[in-house]
């Protein structure tokens, strides 16, 4: 039995109705990112791990690149949840990406459950640049994640066998991950576009009136 102890009408539209949903396309062009093999700056932003390929990384540096790119990708996903829960609907990289080659582009669609919670303005992490749209706010969040420095225990594949050490195979090791470019280079590599009305019923979804 319903009770007036639950003031539903004061909370606005619930996120499960779709009323506040919004779909954004995120594109990251990474051809200009640092590629120093095995270095803390290498690896770009990579949604894959060595487990996603039928062929294992050729050498240790390739395994390290994959792992560092994966850390940046996870940091991007974490920071995008700052204001709202979300779902990823599509993830694509360029065709050159494999177990030995970081992607030069990454594109994904993200559906936020509560777009109204994302600010429409703010100040960028550089402390001075004004942000005037939701897209700019999201772009700054992503740039912050990619350009950050991290030290984490990471699983990667080491294809090298060194006498007296662990045999080749999966290794968990503390790695340092650094920015793959300057703050400006990283920020300029990101494009955020809002994709239509994800909270509206499309014409193709509307029932046809056959009464006439």
N, C-alpha and C. Protein backbone atom coordinates (compact mmCIF):
# COMPACT_ATOMS: atom_id res chain seq x y z
N UNK A 1 0.84 -1.19 0.00
CA UNK A 1 0.00 0.00 0.00
C UNK A 1 0.87 1.25 0.00
N UNK A 2 0.56 2.18 -0.86
CA UNK A 2 1.33 3.40 -0.97
C UNK A 2 1.18 4.24 0.29
N UNK A 3 2.19 4.99 0.61
CA UNK A 3 2.18 5.83 1.79
C UNK A 3 2.71 7.21 1.44
N UNK A 4 2.20 8.24 2.12
CA UNK A 4 2.69 9.59 1.86
C UNK A 4 4.06 9.81 2.49
N UNK A 5 4.61 8.76 3.10
CA UNK A 5 5.96 8.85 3.65
C UNK A 5 7.01 8.85 2.54
N UNK A 6 6.58 8.52 1.32
CA UNK A 6 7.49 8.49 0.19
C UNK A 6 7.10 9.61 -0.79
N UNK A 7 7.73 10.77 -0.69
CA UNK A 7 7.34 11.92 -1.52
C UNK A 7 7.92 11.82 -2.93
N UNK A 8 7.39 10.87 -3.72
CA UNK A 8 7.94 10.64 -5.04
C UNK A 8 7.92 11.90 -5.91
N UNK A 9 6.90 12.72 -5.73
CA UNK A 9 6.74 13.86 -6.61
C UNK A 9 7.81 14.93 -6.40
N UNK A 10 8.63 14.81 -5.38
CA UNK A 10 9.65 15.83 -5.14
C UNK A 10 10.99 15.48 -5.79
N UNK A 11 11.08 14.30 -6.38
CA UNK A 11 12.37 13.85 -6.90
C UNK A 11 12.51 14.02 -8.41
N UNK A 12 11.50 14.53 -9.06
CA UNK A 12 11.59 14.69 -10.51
C UNK A 12 11.53 13.37 -11.23
N UNK A 13 11.96 13.38 -12.48
CA UNK A 13 11.89 12.21 -13.32
C UNK A 13 12.99 11.23 -12.94
N UNK A 14 12.62 9.97 -12.75
CA UNK A 14 13.61 8.95 -12.42
C UNK A 14 14.50 8.63 -13.61
N UNK A 15 15.73 8.20 -13.34
CA UNK A 15 16.67 7.93 -14.43
C UNK A 15 16.23 6.75 -15.29
N UNK A 16 15.39 5.85 -14.73
CA UNK A 16 15.01 4.66 -15.48
C UNK A 16 13.94 4.93 -16.52
N UNK A 17 13.38 6.14 -16.57
CA UNK A 17 12.36 6.46 -17.57
C UNK A 17 12.96 6.82 -18.91
N UNK A 18 14.22 7.15 -18.92
CA UNK A 18 14.87 7.58 -20.16
C UNK A 18 14.75 9.06 -20.42
N UNK A 19 14.00 9.75 -19.60
CA UNK A 19 13.76 11.18 -19.82
C UNK A 19 15.06 11.99 -19.79
N UNK A 20 15.99 11.58 -18.93
CA UNK A 20 17.24 12.34 -18.78
C UNK A 20 18.42 11.69 -19.49
N UNK A 21 18.17 10.66 -20.29
CA UNK A 21 19.26 10.00 -20.99
C UNK A 21 19.83 10.89 -22.10
N UNK A 22 21.11 10.74 -22.35
CA UNK A 22 21.74 11.46 -23.46
C UNK A 22 22.89 10.62 -23.99
N UNK A 23 23.01 10.59 -25.31
CA UNK A 23 24.04 9.79 -25.97
C UNK A 23 25.11 10.71 -26.55
N UNK A 24 26.37 10.38 -26.25
CA UNK A 24 27.50 11.16 -26.77
C UNK A 24 28.45 10.24 -27.53
N UNK A 25 29.04 10.80 -28.57
CA UNK A 25 30.10 10.10 -29.30
C UNK A 25 31.44 10.68 -28.89
N UNK A 26 32.36 9.82 -28.48
CA UNK A 26 33.70 10.24 -28.07
C UNK A 26 34.70 9.73 -29.09
N UNK A 27 35.52 10.62 -29.62
CA UNK A 27 36.54 10.23 -30.59
C UNK A 27 37.90 10.75 -30.11
N UNK A 28 38.90 9.87 -30.09
CA UNK A 28 40.24 10.25 -29.66
C UNK A 28 41.21 9.91 -30.79
N UNK A 29 41.82 10.94 -31.38
CA UNK A 29 42.79 10.77 -32.46
C UNK A 29 44.18 10.73 -31.85
N UNK A 30 44.85 9.57 -31.91
CA UNK A 30 46.08 9.37 -31.15
C UNK A 30 47.33 9.20 -32.00
N UNK A 31 47.27 9.54 -33.29
CA UNK A 31 48.44 9.36 -34.14
C UNK A 31 49.60 10.24 -33.72
N UNK A 32 49.31 11.32 -33.01
CA UNK A 32 50.35 12.23 -32.55
C UNK A 32 50.87 11.92 -31.16
N UNK A 33 50.35 10.88 -30.53
CA UNK A 33 50.80 10.52 -29.18
C UNK A 33 52.21 9.92 -29.22
N UNK A 34 52.90 10.00 -28.10
CA UNK A 34 54.24 9.45 -27.99
C UNK A 34 54.23 7.94 -28.22
N UNK A 35 55.28 7.45 -28.88
CA UNK A 35 55.34 6.03 -29.22
C UNK A 35 56.66 5.38 -28.79
N UNK A 36 57.39 6.00 -27.88
CA UNK A 36 58.66 5.43 -27.42
C UNK A 36 58.40 4.05 -26.84
N UNK A 37 58.89 3.02 -27.52
CA UNK A 37 58.53 1.64 -27.20
C UNK A 37 58.90 1.26 -25.77
N UNK A 38 57.91 0.79 -25.01
CA UNK A 38 58.14 0.33 -23.66
C UNK A 38 58.25 1.44 -22.63
N UNK A 39 58.20 2.69 -23.08
CA UNK A 39 58.33 3.83 -22.18
C UNK A 39 57.01 4.14 -21.48
N UNK A 40 57.09 4.89 -20.40
CA UNK A 40 55.88 5.23 -19.62
C UNK A 40 54.88 6.05 -20.41
N UNK A 41 55.33 6.72 -21.48
CA UNK A 41 54.43 7.55 -22.28
C UNK A 41 53.76 6.78 -23.41
N UNK A 42 54.20 5.56 -23.68
CA UNK A 42 53.70 4.80 -24.83
C UNK A 42 52.38 4.10 -24.51
N UNK A 43 51.76 3.55 -25.56
CA UNK A 43 50.57 2.72 -25.37
C UNK A 43 49.26 3.37 -25.72
N UNK A 44 49.27 4.72 -25.89
CA UNK A 44 48.04 5.45 -26.23
C UNK A 44 46.91 5.16 -25.24
N UNK A 45 45.68 5.08 -25.73
CA UNK A 45 44.51 4.70 -24.91
C UNK A 45 43.94 3.45 -25.56
N UNK A 46 43.98 2.34 -24.86
CA UNK A 46 43.70 1.07 -25.50
C UNK A 46 42.66 0.26 -24.72
N UNK A 47 41.53 -0.08 -25.36
CA UNK A 47 40.51 -0.88 -24.67
C UNK A 47 40.84 -2.36 -24.60
N UNK A 48 41.94 -2.79 -25.24
CA UNK A 48 42.29 -4.20 -25.31
C UNK A 48 43.38 -4.57 -24.30
N UNK A 49 43.41 -5.85 -23.94
CA UNK A 49 44.53 -6.43 -23.21
C UNK A 49 45.10 -7.55 -24.06
N UNK A 50 46.20 -8.14 -23.62
CA UNK A 50 46.80 -9.22 -24.41
C UNK A 50 45.86 -10.41 -24.55
N UNK A 51 44.90 -10.54 -23.64
CA UNK A 51 43.95 -11.65 -23.68
C UNK A 51 42.94 -11.53 -24.81
N UNK A 52 42.85 -10.34 -25.42
CA UNK A 52 41.85 -10.11 -26.46
C UNK A 52 42.34 -10.52 -27.85
N UNK A 53 43.60 -10.94 -27.95
CA UNK A 53 44.16 -11.29 -29.26
C UNK A 53 44.53 -12.77 -29.32
N UNK A 54 44.44 -13.32 -30.51
CA UNK A 54 44.79 -14.73 -30.69
C UNK A 54 46.31 -14.94 -30.68
N UNK A 55 47.05 -13.86 -30.95
CA UNK A 55 48.51 -13.91 -30.93
C UNK A 55 49.03 -13.08 -29.76
N UNK A 56 50.01 -13.60 -29.06
CA UNK A 56 50.55 -12.90 -27.89
C UNK A 56 51.55 -11.83 -28.31
N UNK A 57 51.78 -10.81 -27.46
CA UNK A 57 52.77 -9.78 -27.77
C UNK A 57 54.13 -10.38 -28.10
N UNK A 58 54.79 -9.79 -29.09
CA UNK A 58 56.07 -10.32 -29.56
C UNK A 58 57.18 -10.16 -28.53
N UNK A 59 57.18 -9.05 -27.81
CA UNK A 59 58.24 -8.83 -26.82
C UNK A 59 57.68 -8.11 -25.59
N UNK A 60 58.53 -7.92 -24.62
CA UNK A 60 58.11 -7.32 -23.35
C UNK A 60 57.58 -5.91 -23.56
N UNK A 61 58.25 -5.10 -24.38
CA UNK A 61 57.81 -3.73 -24.59
C UNK A 61 56.41 -3.66 -25.18
N UNK A 62 56.10 -4.58 -26.09
CA UNK A 62 54.74 -4.63 -26.65
C UNK A 62 53.73 -4.93 -25.55
N UNK A 63 54.09 -5.83 -24.64
CA UNK A 63 53.20 -6.14 -23.53
C UNK A 63 53.02 -4.95 -22.61
N UNK A 64 54.11 -4.22 -22.38
CA UNK A 64 54.03 -3.02 -21.53
C UNK A 64 53.17 -1.93 -22.18
N UNK A 65 53.32 -1.76 -23.49
CA UNK A 65 52.52 -0.76 -24.20
C UNK A 65 51.03 -1.07 -24.06
N UNK A 66 50.68 -2.33 -24.25
CA UNK A 66 49.28 -2.75 -24.11
C UNK A 66 48.76 -2.44 -22.71
N UNK A 67 49.55 -2.76 -21.71
CA UNK A 67 49.12 -2.57 -20.32
C UNK A 67 48.94 -1.10 -19.99
N UNK A 68 49.87 -0.26 -20.42
CA UNK A 68 49.76 1.17 -20.12
C UNK A 68 48.58 1.81 -20.84
N UNK A 69 48.35 1.39 -22.09
CA UNK A 69 47.17 1.88 -22.80
C UNK A 69 45.88 1.48 -22.12
N UNK A 70 45.89 0.27 -21.54
CA UNK A 70 44.71 -0.21 -20.82
C UNK A 70 44.45 0.58 -19.55
N UNK A 71 45.51 0.98 -18.85
CA UNK A 71 45.33 1.80 -17.65
C UNK A 71 44.70 3.14 -18.01
N UNK A 72 45.18 3.77 -19.07
CA UNK A 72 44.60 5.06 -19.48
C UNK A 72 43.13 4.90 -19.85
N UNK A 73 42.80 3.81 -20.54
CA UNK A 73 41.41 3.57 -20.91
C UNK A 73 40.53 3.42 -19.67
N UNK A 74 40.99 2.68 -18.68
CA UNK A 74 40.23 2.51 -17.45
C UNK A 74 40.07 3.82 -16.72
N UNK A 75 41.09 4.66 -16.74
CA UNK A 75 41.00 5.97 -16.08
C UNK A 75 39.97 6.86 -16.78
N UNK A 76 39.90 6.76 -18.10
CA UNK A 76 38.87 7.51 -18.84
C UNK A 76 37.47 7.06 -18.42
N UNK A 77 37.26 5.75 -18.36
CA UNK A 77 35.95 5.23 -17.97
C UNK A 77 35.59 5.64 -16.54
N UNK A 78 36.57 5.61 -15.66
CA UNK A 78 36.31 6.00 -14.26
C UNK A 78 35.90 7.46 -14.15
N UNK A 79 36.62 8.34 -14.84
CA UNK A 79 36.35 9.77 -14.69
C UNK A 79 35.04 10.17 -15.36
N UNK A 80 34.62 9.42 -16.39
CA UNK A 80 33.36 9.73 -17.05
C UNK A 80 32.15 9.46 -16.16
N UNK A 81 32.36 8.73 -15.08
CA UNK A 81 31.27 8.46 -14.13
C UNK A 81 31.20 9.51 -13.03
N UNK A 82 31.92 10.62 -13.19
CA UNK A 82 31.95 11.67 -12.18
C UNK A 82 30.56 12.20 -11.87
N UNK A 83 29.72 12.38 -12.90
CA UNK A 83 28.43 13.03 -12.71
C UNK A 83 27.23 12.13 -12.91
N UNK A 84 27.39 11.00 -13.59
CA UNK A 84 26.24 10.15 -13.88
C UNK A 84 26.69 8.73 -14.19
N UNK A 85 25.82 7.76 -13.88
CA UNK A 85 26.04 6.40 -14.38
C UNK A 85 25.91 6.41 -15.90
N UNK A 86 26.48 5.42 -16.54
CA UNK A 86 26.42 5.39 -17.99
C UNK A 86 26.54 3.96 -18.51
N UNK A 87 26.29 3.82 -19.82
CA UNK A 87 26.52 2.55 -20.52
C UNK A 87 27.33 2.83 -21.77
N UNK A 88 28.29 1.96 -22.06
CA UNK A 88 29.02 2.05 -23.32
C UNK A 88 28.25 1.25 -24.37
N UNK A 89 28.03 1.85 -25.53
CA UNK A 89 27.22 1.20 -26.55
C UNK A 89 28.03 0.77 -27.77
N UNK A 90 29.21 1.35 -27.94
CA UNK A 90 30.04 0.97 -29.09
C UNK A 90 31.48 1.34 -28.77
N UNK A 91 32.41 0.45 -29.12
CA UNK A 91 33.82 0.74 -28.96
C UNK A 91 34.53 0.30 -30.23
N UNK A 92 35.25 1.21 -30.86
CA UNK A 92 35.96 0.88 -32.09
C UNK A 92 37.37 1.48 -32.07
N UNK A 93 38.34 0.74 -32.59
CA UNK A 93 39.68 1.27 -32.84
C UNK A 93 39.98 1.11 -34.31
N UNK A 94 41.07 1.76 -34.76
CA UNK A 94 41.46 1.59 -36.16
C UNK A 94 41.95 0.17 -36.39
N UNK A 95 41.96 -0.25 -37.65
CA UNK A 95 42.26 -1.64 -37.98
C UNK A 95 43.72 -2.02 -37.76
N UNK A 96 44.60 -1.04 -37.57
CA UNK A 96 46.02 -1.36 -37.38
C UNK A 96 46.32 -1.89 -35.98
N UNK A 97 45.41 -1.69 -35.05
CA UNK A 97 45.65 -2.10 -33.66
C UNK A 97 45.71 -3.62 -33.53
N UNK A 98 46.77 -4.10 -32.88
CA UNK A 98 46.87 -5.52 -32.58
C UNK A 98 47.71 -5.70 -31.32
N UNK A 99 48.16 -6.92 -31.06
CA UNK A 99 48.86 -7.19 -29.81
C UNK A 99 50.21 -6.46 -29.71
N UNK A 100 50.74 -6.01 -30.86
CA UNK A 100 52.02 -5.31 -30.88
C UNK A 100 51.91 -3.83 -31.25
N UNK A 101 50.71 -3.40 -31.64
CA UNK A 101 50.54 -2.04 -32.16
C UNK A 101 49.39 -1.31 -31.46
N UNK A 102 49.68 -0.25 -30.72
CA UNK A 102 48.60 0.52 -30.08
C UNK A 102 47.72 1.17 -31.14
N UNK A 103 46.46 1.39 -30.83
CA UNK A 103 45.57 2.06 -31.79
C UNK A 103 45.97 3.51 -32.00
N UNK A 104 45.67 4.02 -33.19
CA UNK A 104 45.88 5.45 -33.45
C UNK A 104 44.57 6.23 -33.36
N UNK A 105 43.47 5.51 -33.20
CA UNK A 105 42.18 6.17 -32.97
C UNK A 105 41.28 5.27 -32.12
N UNK A 106 40.47 5.91 -31.32
CA UNK A 106 39.50 5.21 -30.48
C UNK A 106 38.20 5.97 -30.52
N UNK A 107 37.11 5.26 -30.80
CA UNK A 107 35.79 5.88 -30.87
C UNK A 107 34.82 5.04 -30.05
N UNK A 108 34.02 5.70 -29.21
CA UNK A 108 32.98 4.97 -28.50
C UNK A 108 31.79 5.86 -28.23
N UNK A 109 30.63 5.24 -28.12
CA UNK A 109 29.40 5.94 -27.74
C UNK A 109 29.11 5.67 -26.27
N UNK A 110 28.66 6.68 -25.59
CA UNK A 110 28.38 6.55 -24.17
C UNK A 110 27.00 7.15 -23.88
N UNK A 111 26.16 6.38 -23.21
CA UNK A 111 24.80 6.81 -22.87
C UNK A 111 24.74 7.13 -21.38
N UNK A 112 24.60 8.40 -21.06
CA UNK A 112 24.49 8.81 -19.66
C UNK A 112 23.04 8.68 -19.19
N UNK A 113 22.87 8.14 -17.99
CA UNK A 113 21.53 7.98 -17.43
C UNK A 113 20.91 9.32 -17.02
N UNK A 114 21.74 10.24 -16.57
CA UNK A 114 21.21 11.53 -16.09
C UNK A 114 22.04 12.67 -16.66
N UNK A 115 21.71 13.05 -17.87
CA UNK A 115 22.47 14.11 -18.55
C UNK A 115 22.33 15.45 -17.84
N UNK A 116 21.23 15.63 -17.12
CA UNK A 116 21.01 16.91 -16.44
C UNK A 116 22.01 17.14 -15.32
N UNK A 117 22.69 16.08 -14.87
CA UNK A 117 23.68 16.23 -13.79
C UNK A 117 25.05 16.67 -14.31
N UNK A 118 25.25 16.61 -15.62
CA UNK A 118 26.53 17.03 -16.18
C UNK A 118 26.52 18.54 -16.31
N UNK A 119 27.51 19.23 -15.75
CA UNK A 119 27.53 20.70 -15.80
C UNK A 119 27.58 21.23 -17.23
N UNK A 120 27.03 22.39 -17.45
CA UNK A 120 27.07 23.06 -18.75
C UNK A 120 28.19 24.09 -18.80
N UNK A 121 28.87 24.29 -17.70
CA UNK A 121 29.98 25.24 -17.69
C UNK A 121 30.94 24.87 -16.57
N UNK A 122 32.10 25.50 -16.61
CA UNK A 122 33.09 25.25 -15.57
C UNK A 122 34.44 25.78 -16.00
N UNK A 123 35.46 25.42 -15.26
CA UNK A 123 36.83 25.82 -15.57
C UNK A 123 37.66 24.58 -15.80
N UNK A 124 38.43 24.59 -16.86
CA UNK A 124 39.25 23.44 -17.21
C UNK A 124 40.31 23.18 -16.15
N UNK A 125 40.88 22.01 -16.22
CA UNK A 125 41.87 21.63 -15.21
C UNK A 125 43.14 22.47 -15.28
N UNK A 126 43.30 23.26 -16.35
CA UNK A 126 44.46 24.16 -16.40
C UNK A 126 44.27 25.37 -15.50
N UNK A 127 43.04 25.49 -14.95
CA UNK A 127 42.77 26.57 -14.00
C UNK A 127 42.34 27.88 -14.61
N UNK A 128 42.33 27.98 -15.94
CA UNK A 128 42.00 29.26 -16.56
C UNK A 128 41.01 29.16 -17.72
N UNK A 129 41.04 28.08 -18.48
CA UNK A 129 40.17 27.95 -19.66
C UNK A 129 38.72 27.75 -19.23
N UNK A 130 37.83 28.59 -19.78
CA UNK A 130 36.41 28.49 -19.46
C UNK A 130 35.75 27.42 -20.31
N UNK A 131 34.93 26.59 -19.68
CA UNK A 131 34.16 25.56 -20.37
C UNK A 131 32.71 26.01 -20.40
N UNK A 132 32.08 25.99 -21.59
CA UNK A 132 30.74 26.58 -21.70
C UNK A 132 29.67 25.60 -22.18
N UNK A 133 30.02 24.32 -22.36
CA UNK A 133 29.05 23.32 -22.80
C UNK A 133 29.32 22.00 -22.08
N UNK A 134 28.32 21.13 -22.10
CA UNK A 134 28.51 19.78 -21.54
C UNK A 134 29.61 19.04 -22.29
N UNK A 135 29.63 19.21 -23.61
CA UNK A 135 30.65 18.54 -24.42
C UNK A 135 32.05 18.97 -23.99
N UNK A 136 32.23 20.25 -23.71
CA UNK A 136 33.53 20.76 -23.29
C UNK A 136 33.92 20.21 -21.91
N UNK A 137 32.94 20.10 -21.03
CA UNK A 137 33.19 19.55 -19.70
C UNK A 137 33.65 18.10 -19.82
N UNK A 138 32.96 17.31 -20.64
CA UNK A 138 33.33 15.90 -20.83
C UNK A 138 34.70 15.78 -21.49
N UNK A 139 34.97 16.64 -22.45
CA UNK A 139 36.27 16.63 -23.12
C UNK A 139 37.40 16.90 -22.12
N UNK A 140 37.18 17.84 -21.22
CA UNK A 140 38.20 18.17 -20.22
C UNK A 140 38.41 17.02 -19.25
N UNK A 141 37.32 16.32 -18.89
CA UNK A 141 37.45 15.16 -18.01
C UNK A 141 38.31 14.08 -18.66
N UNK A 142 38.02 13.79 -19.93
CA UNK A 142 38.76 12.75 -20.64
C UNK A 142 40.23 13.13 -20.77
N UNK A 143 40.50 14.40 -21.10
CA UNK A 143 41.89 14.86 -21.23
C UNK A 143 42.62 14.74 -19.90
N UNK A 144 41.94 15.03 -18.82
CA UNK A 144 42.54 14.92 -17.49
C UNK A 144 42.97 13.48 -17.20
N UNK A 145 42.10 12.53 -17.58
CA UNK A 145 42.41 11.11 -17.34
C UNK A 145 43.59 10.65 -18.18
N UNK A 146 43.61 11.04 -19.46
CA UNK A 146 44.67 10.58 -20.35
C UNK A 146 46.01 11.19 -19.98
N UNK A 147 46.01 12.46 -19.60
CA UNK A 147 47.26 13.17 -19.33
C UNK A 147 47.77 12.96 -17.90
N UNK A 148 47.06 12.18 -17.12
CA UNK A 148 47.48 11.95 -15.74
C UNK A 148 48.69 11.03 -15.65
N UNK A 149 49.33 11.06 -14.49
CA UNK A 149 50.44 10.14 -14.20
C UNK A 149 49.99 9.17 -13.12
N UNK A 150 50.28 7.89 -13.34
CA UNK A 150 49.80 6.85 -12.44
C UNK A 150 50.91 5.83 -12.17
N UNK A 151 50.85 5.23 -11.00
CA UNK A 151 51.70 4.10 -10.67
C UNK A 151 50.79 3.00 -10.15
N UNK A 152 50.71 1.89 -10.91
CA UNK A 152 49.75 0.85 -10.58
C UNK A 152 50.36 -0.54 -10.79
N UNK A 153 49.83 -1.50 -10.05
CA UNK A 153 50.17 -2.90 -10.30
C UNK A 153 49.35 -3.37 -11.48
N UNK A 154 50.03 -3.80 -12.53
CA UNK A 154 49.37 -4.08 -13.80
C UNK A 154 49.76 -5.47 -14.30
N UNK A 155 48.78 -6.17 -14.87
CA UNK A 155 49.04 -7.47 -15.49
C UNK A 155 49.40 -7.25 -16.96
N UNK A 156 50.54 -7.78 -17.38
CA UNK A 156 50.92 -7.70 -18.78
C UNK A 156 51.61 -9.00 -19.18
N UNK A 157 51.81 -9.18 -20.50
CA UNK A 157 52.45 -10.40 -20.98
C UNK A 157 53.90 -10.11 -21.35
N UNK A 158 54.82 -10.84 -20.73
CA UNK A 158 56.25 -10.71 -21.00
C UNK A 158 56.69 -11.90 -21.84
N UNK A 159 57.04 -11.64 -23.09
CA UNK A 159 57.43 -12.72 -24.00
C UNK A 159 58.90 -13.09 -23.89
N UNK A 160 59.61 -12.40 -23.00
CA UNK A 160 61.05 -12.60 -22.88
C UNK A 160 61.38 -13.54 -21.72
N UNK A 161 62.26 -14.48 -21.99
CA UNK A 161 62.73 -15.36 -20.91
C UNK A 161 64.14 -14.92 -20.51
N UNK A 162 64.30 -14.58 -19.24
CA UNK A 162 65.60 -14.18 -18.73
C UNK A 162 66.03 -15.18 -17.66
N UNK A 163 67.22 -15.74 -17.80
CA UNK A 163 67.72 -16.73 -16.86
C UNK A 163 67.71 -16.18 -15.43
N UNK A 164 67.17 -16.97 -14.52
CA UNK A 164 67.14 -16.56 -13.13
C UNK A 164 65.94 -15.74 -12.74
N UNK A 165 65.05 -15.47 -13.69
CA UNK A 165 63.83 -14.70 -13.38
C UNK A 165 62.62 -15.53 -13.77
N UNK A 166 61.45 -14.95 -13.60
CA UNK A 166 60.22 -15.65 -13.92
C UNK A 166 60.18 -16.00 -15.41
N UNK A 167 59.65 -17.16 -15.74
CA UNK A 167 59.53 -17.56 -17.13
C UNK A 167 58.59 -16.62 -17.88
N UNK A 168 58.66 -16.70 -19.18
CA UNK A 168 57.77 -15.88 -20.00
C UNK A 168 56.31 -16.18 -19.67
N UNK A 169 55.49 -15.16 -19.82
CA UNK A 169 54.07 -15.33 -19.55
C UNK A 169 53.51 -14.12 -18.83
N UNK A 170 52.32 -14.25 -18.27
CA UNK A 170 51.68 -13.14 -17.57
C UNK A 170 52.50 -12.71 -16.35
N UNK A 171 52.66 -11.42 -16.20
CA UNK A 171 53.42 -10.86 -15.09
C UNK A 171 52.63 -9.72 -14.46
N UNK A 172 52.59 -9.68 -13.15
CA UNK A 172 52.01 -8.53 -12.45
C UNK A 172 53.18 -7.71 -11.90
N UNK A 173 53.21 -6.45 -12.29
CA UNK A 173 54.34 -5.60 -11.94
C UNK A 173 53.86 -4.17 -11.75
N UNK A 174 54.54 -3.43 -10.88
CA UNK A 174 54.22 -2.03 -10.68
C UNK A 174 54.78 -1.22 -11.84
N UNK A 175 53.88 -0.54 -12.55
CA UNK A 175 54.27 0.26 -13.71
C UNK A 175 53.93 1.72 -13.50
N UNK A 176 54.74 2.58 -14.09
CA UNK A 176 54.45 4.01 -14.12
C UNK A 176 53.87 4.36 -15.48
N UNK A 177 52.80 5.11 -15.48
CA UNK A 177 52.15 5.55 -16.71
C UNK A 177 52.17 7.07 -16.73
N UNK A 178 52.70 7.65 -17.81
CA UNK A 178 52.81 9.10 -17.92
C UNK A 178 52.01 9.60 -19.12
N UNK A 179 51.85 10.91 -19.21
CA UNK A 179 51.06 11.51 -20.29
C UNK A 179 51.69 11.20 -21.66
N UNK A 180 50.87 10.82 -22.65
CA UNK A 180 51.39 10.50 -23.99
C UNK A 180 51.63 11.74 -24.84
N UNK A 181 51.41 12.91 -24.27
CA UNK A 181 51.61 14.17 -24.99
C UNK A 181 51.45 15.33 -24.03
N UNK A 182 51.61 16.54 -24.53
CA UNK A 182 51.38 17.71 -23.70
C UNK A 182 49.89 17.84 -23.39
N UNK A 183 49.56 18.64 -22.40
CA UNK A 183 48.15 18.84 -22.06
C UNK A 183 47.36 19.35 -23.27
N UNK A 184 47.96 20.26 -24.03
CA UNK A 184 47.28 20.81 -25.20
C UNK A 184 47.10 19.74 -26.28
N UNK A 185 48.13 18.94 -26.51
CA UNK A 185 48.04 17.88 -27.52
C UNK A 185 46.96 16.87 -27.17
N UNK A 186 46.90 16.50 -25.91
CA UNK A 186 45.90 15.52 -25.48
C UNK A 186 44.50 16.13 -25.59
N UNK A 187 44.33 17.35 -25.12
CA UNK A 187 43.01 18.00 -25.17
C UNK A 187 42.53 18.13 -26.61
N UNK A 188 43.42 18.56 -27.50
CA UNK A 188 43.02 18.76 -28.90
C UNK A 188 42.75 17.46 -29.64
N UNK A 189 43.20 16.33 -29.09
CA UNK A 189 43.00 15.04 -29.76
C UNK A 189 41.60 14.48 -29.54
N UNK A 190 40.82 15.12 -28.66
CA UNK A 190 39.53 14.57 -28.24
C UNK A 190 38.38 15.36 -28.86
N UNK A 191 37.40 14.63 -29.38
CA UNK A 191 36.18 15.25 -29.91
C UNK A 191 34.98 14.62 -29.21
N UNK A 192 34.10 15.47 -28.69
CA UNK A 192 32.88 15.00 -28.01
C UNK A 192 31.68 15.59 -28.73
N UNK A 193 30.76 14.73 -29.17
CA UNK A 193 29.59 15.18 -29.91
C UNK A 193 28.33 14.54 -29.31
N UNK A 194 27.33 15.36 -29.05
CA UNK A 194 26.06 14.82 -28.57
C UNK A 194 25.27 14.28 -29.75
N UNK A 195 24.76 13.06 -29.61
CA UNK A 195 24.10 12.36 -30.71
C UNK A 195 22.59 12.42 -30.58
N UNK A 196 21.99 13.47 -31.11
CA UNK A 196 20.54 13.54 -31.18
C UNK A 196 19.85 13.43 -29.83
N UNK A 197 18.62 12.94 -29.86
CA UNK A 197 17.78 12.85 -28.66
C UNK A 197 17.64 11.39 -28.23
N UNK A 198 18.53 10.96 -27.37
CA UNK A 198 18.48 9.57 -26.89
C UNK A 198 17.30 9.36 -25.95
N UNK A 199 16.68 10.45 -25.50
CA UNK A 199 15.56 10.34 -24.56
C UNK A 199 14.21 10.47 -25.26
N UNK A 200 14.21 10.46 -26.59
CA UNK A 200 12.96 10.61 -27.33
C UNK A 200 12.67 9.38 -28.16
N UNK A 201 11.40 9.12 -28.40
CA UNK A 201 11.00 7.99 -29.24
C UNK A 201 11.15 8.40 -30.70
N UNK A 202 11.87 7.59 -31.47
CA UNK A 202 12.05 7.89 -32.88
C UNK A 202 10.80 7.58 -33.69
N UNK A 203 10.71 8.17 -34.88
CA UNK A 203 9.53 7.96 -35.73
C UNK A 203 9.31 6.49 -36.04
N UNK A 204 10.40 5.73 -36.22
CA UNK A 204 10.28 4.33 -36.56
C UNK A 204 9.73 3.50 -35.40
N UNK A 205 9.82 4.06 -34.19
CA UNK A 205 9.34 3.33 -33.01
C UNK A 205 7.89 3.64 -32.69
N UNK A 206 7.32 4.65 -33.34
CA UNK A 206 5.94 5.05 -33.06
C UNK A 206 4.96 4.10 -33.73
N UNK A 207 3.89 3.71 -33.04
CA UNK A 207 2.89 2.83 -33.68
C UNK A 207 2.19 3.54 -34.82
N UNK A 208 1.84 2.79 -35.84
CA UNK A 208 1.15 3.34 -36.99
C UNK A 208 -0.35 3.36 -36.74
N UNK A 209 -0.98 4.48 -37.04
CA UNK A 209 -2.42 4.60 -36.89
C UNK A 209 -3.10 4.10 -38.16
N UNK A 210 -3.72 2.92 -38.07
CA UNK A 210 -4.37 2.30 -39.22
C UNK A 210 -5.89 2.47 -39.19
N UNK A 211 -6.34 3.42 -38.37
CA UNK A 211 -7.78 3.56 -38.20
C UNK A 211 -8.42 4.22 -39.40
N UNK A 212 -7.62 4.99 -40.18
CA UNK A 212 -8.19 5.72 -41.31
C UNK A 212 -8.51 4.78 -42.47
